[in-house]
C-alpha atoms as a PDB file:
ATOM      1  CA  MET A   1    -116.597  68.385  56.053  1.00  0.00           C
ATOM      2  CA  ARG A   2    -116.330  66.392  59.277  1.00  0.00           C
ATOM      3  CA  ILE A   3    -118.423  63.489  60.566  1.00  0.00           C
ATOM      4  CA  ALA A   4    -119.488  65.772  63.435  1.00  0.00           C
ATOM      5  CA  ASP A   5    -121.275  67.939  60.835  1.00  0.00           C
ATOM      6  CA  VAL A   6    -123.158  64.894  59.536  1.00  0.00           C
ATOM      7  CA  LEU A   7    -124.206  63.920  63.059  1.00  0.00           C
ATOM      8  CA  ARG A   8    -125.335  67.480  63.798  1.00  0.00           C
ATOM      9  CA  SER A   9    -127.716  67.426  60.861  1.00  0.00           C
ATOM     10  CA  LYS A  10    -128.958  63.826  61.104  1.00  0.00           C
ATOM     11  CA  GLY A  11    -128.787  63.336  64.864  1.00  0.00           C
ATOM     12  CA  SER A  12    -126.685  61.055  66.992  1.00  0.00           C
ATOM     13  CA  SER A  13    -129.282  58.524  68.028  1.00  0.00           C
ATOM     14  CA  VAL A  14    -128.063  54.938  67.520  1.00  0.00           C
ATOM     15  CA  ALA A  15    -130.121  51.769  67.854  1.00  0.00           C
ATOM     16  CA  THR A  16    -128.161  49.249  69.900  1.00  0.00           C
ATOM     17  CA  VAL A  17    -128.700  45.759  71.246  1.00  0.00           C
ATOM     18  CA  PRO A  18    -126.698  43.520  73.572  1.00  0.00           C
ATOM     19  CA  PRO A  19    -125.132  40.371  72.054  1.00  0.00           C
ATOM     20  CA  TRP A  20    -127.695  38.030  73.610  1.00  0.00           C
ATOM     21  CA  THR A  21    -130.629  39.686  71.806  1.00  0.00           C
ATOM     22  CA  THR A  22    -132.445  37.161  69.631  1.00  0.00           C
ATOM     23  CA  ILE A  23    -132.548  37.587  65.871  1.00  0.00           C
ATOM     24  CA  THR A  24    -136.343  37.966  66.147  1.00  0.00           C
ATOM     25  CA  GLU A  25    -135.872  40.876  68.564  1.00  0.00           C
ATOM     26  CA  LEU A  26    -133.218  42.345  66.279  1.00  0.00           C
ATOM     27  CA  VAL A  27    -135.547  42.223  63.281  1.00  0.00           C
ATOM     28  CA  ALA A  28    -138.221  43.995  65.345  1.00  0.00           C
ATOM     29  CA  GLU A  29    -135.711  46.758  66.203  1.00  0.00           C
ATOM     30  CA  LEU A  30    -134.727  47.193  62.563  1.00  0.00           C
ATOM     31  CA  ALA A  31    -138.390  47.481  61.559  1.00  0.00           C
ATOM     32  CA  LYS A  32    -139.333  49.718  64.503  1.00  0.00           C
ATOM     33  CA  HIS A  33    -136.637  52.270  63.662  1.00  0.00           C
ATOM     34  CA  ASN A  34    -136.759  51.752  59.869  1.00  0.00           C
ATOM     35  CA  ILE A  35    -133.003  51.219  59.759  1.00  0.00           C
ATOM     36  CA  GLY A  36    -130.607  48.827  58.059  1.00  0.00           C
ATOM     37  CA  ALA A  37    -128.182  48.012  60.877  1.00  0.00           C
ATOM     38  CA  VAL A  38    -127.893  47.881  64.649  1.00  0.00           C
ATOM     39  CA  VAL A  39    -124.749  48.269  66.724  1.00  0.00           C
ATOM     40  CA  VAL A  40    -124.092  45.463  69.207  1.00  0.00           C
ATOM     41  CA  LEU A  41    -123.009  47.089  72.438  1.00  0.00           C
ATOM     42  CA  THR A  42    -121.694  45.835  75.781  1.00  0.00           C
ATOM     43  CA  PRO A  43    -120.451  47.839  78.772  1.00  0.00           C
ATOM     44  CA  GLU A  44    -116.978  47.568  77.222  1.00  0.00           C
ATOM     45  CA  GLY A  45    -118.151  49.283  74.038  1.00  0.00           C
ATOM     46  CA  VAL A  46    -118.935  48.338  70.441  1.00  0.00           C
ATOM     47  CA  THR A  47    -118.536  44.570  70.009  1.00  0.00           C
ATOM     48  CA  GLY A  48    -120.292  44.094  66.698  1.00  0.00           C
ATOM     49  CA  ILE A  49    -122.732  45.285  64.099  1.00  0.00           C
ATOM     50  CA  VAL A  50    -125.623  43.423  62.480  1.00  0.00           C
ATOM     51  CA  SER A  51    -127.372  44.441  59.269  1.00  0.00           C
ATOM     52  CA  GLU A  52    -130.491  43.341  57.440  1.00  0.00           C
ATOM     53  CA  ARG A  53    -128.177  41.728  54.915  1.00  0.00           C
ATOM     54  CA  ASP A  54    -126.532  39.624  57.659  1.00  0.00           C
ATOM     55  CA  VAL A  55    -129.932  38.372  58.777  1.00  0.00           C
ATOM     56  CA  VAL A  56    -131.120  37.486  55.279  1.00  0.00           C
ATOM     57  CA  ARG A  57    -127.935  35.649  54.349  1.00  0.00           C
ATOM     58  CA  ARG A  58    -127.878  33.610  57.557  1.00  0.00           C
ATOM     59  CA  LEU A  59    -131.583  32.806  57.264  1.00  0.00           C
ATOM     60  CA  ALA A  60    -130.927  31.436  53.786  1.00  0.00           C
ATOM     61  CA  GLU A  61    -128.113  29.266  55.166  1.00  0.00           C
ATOM     62  CA  ARG A  62    -129.643  28.089  58.429  1.00  0.00           C
ATOM     63  CA  GLY A  63    -133.400  28.435  58.115  1.00  0.00           C
ATOM     64  CA  ALA A  64    -136.042  29.719  60.492  1.00  0.00           C
ATOM     65  CA  GLU A  65    -134.462  28.257  63.642  1.00  0.00           C
ATOM     66  CA  LEU A  66    -131.953  31.095  63.364  1.00  0.00           C
ATOM     67  CA  LEU A  67    -134.609  33.520  64.612  1.00  0.00           C
ATOM     68  CA  ALA A  68    -134.324  32.140  68.145  1.00  0.00           C
ATOM     69  CA  ARG A  69    -130.520  32.416  68.206  1.00  0.00           C
ATOM     70  CA  PRO A  70    -128.578  35.406  69.637  1.00  0.00           C
ATOM     71  CA  VAL A  71    -127.217  38.164  67.394  1.00  0.00           C
ATOM     72  CA  SER A  72    -123.722  37.258  68.597  1.00  0.00           C
ATOM     73  CA  GLU A  73    -123.882  34.290  66.203  1.00  0.00           C
ATOM     74  CA  ILE A  74    -124.283  36.436  63.104  1.00  0.00           C
ATOM     75  CA  MET A  75    -122.830  39.845  63.976  1.00  0.00           C
ATOM     76  CA  THR A  76    -119.756  41.211  62.313  1.00  0.00           C
ATOM     77  CA  THR A  77    -117.133  41.437  65.035  1.00  0.00           C
ATOM     78  CA  SER A  78    -114.452  43.216  63.035  1.00  0.00           C
ATOM     79  CA  VAL A  79    -116.167  46.587  63.160  1.00  0.00           C
ATOM     80  CA  PHE A  80    -114.658  49.560  61.395  1.00  0.00           C
ATOM     81  CA  THR A  81    -115.355  52.773  63.285  1.00  0.00           C
ATOM     82  CA  CYS A  82    -114.604  56.433  62.771  1.00  0.00           C
ATOM     83  CA  THR A  83    -114.462  59.492  65.001  1.00  0.00           C
ATOM     84  CA  SER A  84    -116.479  62.673  64.775  1.00  0.00           C
ATOM     85  CA  ASN A  85    -113.286  64.468  63.685  1.00  0.00           C
ATOM     86  CA  ASP A  86    -112.796  62.267  60.623  1.00  0.00           C
ATOM     87  CA  THR A  87    -113.746  63.727  57.259  1.00  0.00           C
ATOM     88  CA  VAL A  88    -116.654  62.566  55.132  1.00  0.00           C
ATOM     89  CA  GLU A  89    -114.200  62.073  52.269  1.00  0.00           C
ATOM     90  CA  THR A  90    -112.016  59.715  54.338  1.00  0.00           C
ATOM     91  CA  LEU A  91    -115.058  57.747  55.473  1.00  0.00           C
ATOM     92  CA  SER A  92    -116.327  57.561  51.901  1.00  0.00           C
ATOM     93  CA  VAL A  93    -113.073  55.930  50.807  1.00  0.00           C
ATOM     94  CA  LEU A  94    -113.186  53.454  53.719  1.00  0.00           C
ATOM     95  CA  MET A  95    -116.794  52.519  52.984  1.00  0.00           C
ATOM     96  CA  THR A  96    -116.096  52.045  49.285  1.00  0.00           C
ATOM     97  CA  GLU A  97    -112.888  50.050  49.693  1.00  0.00           C
ATOM     98  CA  ARG A  98    -114.241  47.832  52.482  1.00  0.00           C
ATOM     99  CA  ARG A  99    -117.771  47.586  51.060  1.00  0.00           C
ATOM    100  CA  ILE A 100    -119.255  48.810  54.330  1.00  0.00           C
ATOM    101  CA  ARG A 101    -122.666  50.435  54.542  1.00  0.00           C
ATOM    102  CA  HIS A 102    -122.729  51.471  58.214  1.00  0.00           C
ATOM    103  CA  VAL A 103    -119.913  52.846  60.391  1.00  0.00           C
ATOM    104  CA  PRO A 104    -120.301  53.536  64.120  1.00  0.00           C
ATOM    105  CA  VAL A 105    -118.826  56.819  65.309  1.00  0.00           C
ATOM    106  CA  VAL A 106    -116.769  56.362  68.479  1.00  0.00           C
ATOM    107  CA  ASP A 107    -115.125  59.187  70.416  1.00  0.00           C
ATOM    108  CA  ASN A 108    -112.931  58.365  73.407  1.00  0.00           C
ATOM    109  CA  GLY A 109    -114.318  54.824  73.562  1.00  0.00           C
ATOM    110  CA  ARG A 110    -117.937  56.040  73.601  1.00  0.00           C
ATOM    111  CA  LEU A 111    -120.505  55.426  70.828  1.00  0.00           C
ATOM    112  CA  VAL A 112    -121.710  58.851  69.683  1.00  0.00           C
ATOM    113  CA  GLY A 113    -123.461  58.087  66.401  1.00  0.00           C
ATOM    114  CA  ILE A 114    -123.591  56.022  63.250  1.00  0.00           C
ATOM    115  CA  VAL A 115    -123.102  57.035  59.628  1.00  0.00           C
ATOM    116  CA  SER A 116    -124.580  55.151  56.686  1.00  0.00           C
ATOM    117  CA  ILE A 117    -123.495  55.187  53.083  1.00  0.00           C
ATOM    118  CA  GLY A 118    -126.720  57.123  52.413  1.00  0.00           C
ATOM    119  CA  ASP A 119    -125.606  59.848  54.830  1.00  0.00           C
ATOM    120  CA  VAL A 120    -122.261  60.103  53.039  1.00  0.00           C
ATOM    121  CA  VAL A 121    -123.848  60.282  49.581  1.00  0.00           C
ATOM    122  CA  LYS A 122    -126.380  62.881  50.772  1.00  0.00           C
ATOM    123  CA  ARG A 123    -123.523  65.040  52.092  1.00  0.00           C
ATOM    124  CA  GLN A 124    -121.534  64.713  48.880  1.00  0.00           C
ATOM    125  CA  ILE A 125    -124.563  65.673  46.762  1.00  0.00           C
ATOM    126  CA  SER A 126    -125.223  68.671  49.002  1.00  0.00           C
ATOM    127  CA  LYS A 127    -121.612  69.789  48.643  1.00  0.00           C
ATOM    128  CA  LEU A 128    -121.765  69.462  44.841  1.00  0.00           C
ATOM    129  CA  GLN A 129    -125.000  71.472  44.718  1.00  0.00           C
ATOM    130  CA  GLU A 130    -123.418  74.229  46.804  1.00  0.00           C
ATOM    131  CA  GLU A 131    -120.395  74.337  44.504  1.00  0.00           C
ATOM    132  CA  GLN A 132    -122.645  74.435  41.442  1.00  0.00           C
ATOM    133  CA  ALA A 133    -124.627  77.343  42.879  1.00  0.00           C
ATOM    134  CA  GLN A 134    -121.408  79.232  43.617  1.00  0.00           C
ATOM    135  CA  LEU A 135    -120.117  78.649  40.087  1.00  0.00           C
ATOM    136  CA  GLU A 136    -123.419  79.744  38.546  1.00  0.00           C
ATOM    137  CA  GLN A 137    -123.377  82.894  40.665  1.00  0.00           C
ATOM    138  CA  TYR A 138    -119.774  83.601  39.664  1.00  0.00           C
ATOM    139  CA  ILE A 139    -120.587  83.122  35.966  1.00  0.00           C
ATOM    140  CA  THR A 140    -123.737  85.237  35.957  1.00  0.00           C
ATOM    141  CA  GLN A 141    -122.204  88.072  37.992  1.00  0.00           C
ATOM    142  CA  GLY A 142    -118.987  87.885  35.958  1.00  0.00           C
END
């Protein structure tokens, strides 16, 4: 199964912010969309990603004054991406090995979606259920 299949079923909408967005504005975006991460985007493309976890950890380190600072101060700049042609299995390995929960999907330098670890797990469960149904049908029809 390809990442394109995941995006077809879940949609390709991605919440993005520019690097100068304040942490307060970022938190509002996360809450508004009920999501765990936002892609930091400039005209040149994906420049970072910021998750709820990033915000919480930096707040614990730096305190409430962090909320007025730009996301560029806390974003992850070494962003792992995938393409819509990559397989879910390949992305699953990357996410597990790198301990990544969100991966932007970039085709030809353009952001076309984002895949979360939840999306990957949901796809894998669906695939297992399909295989189980096929096996049960094979066994019962002998």
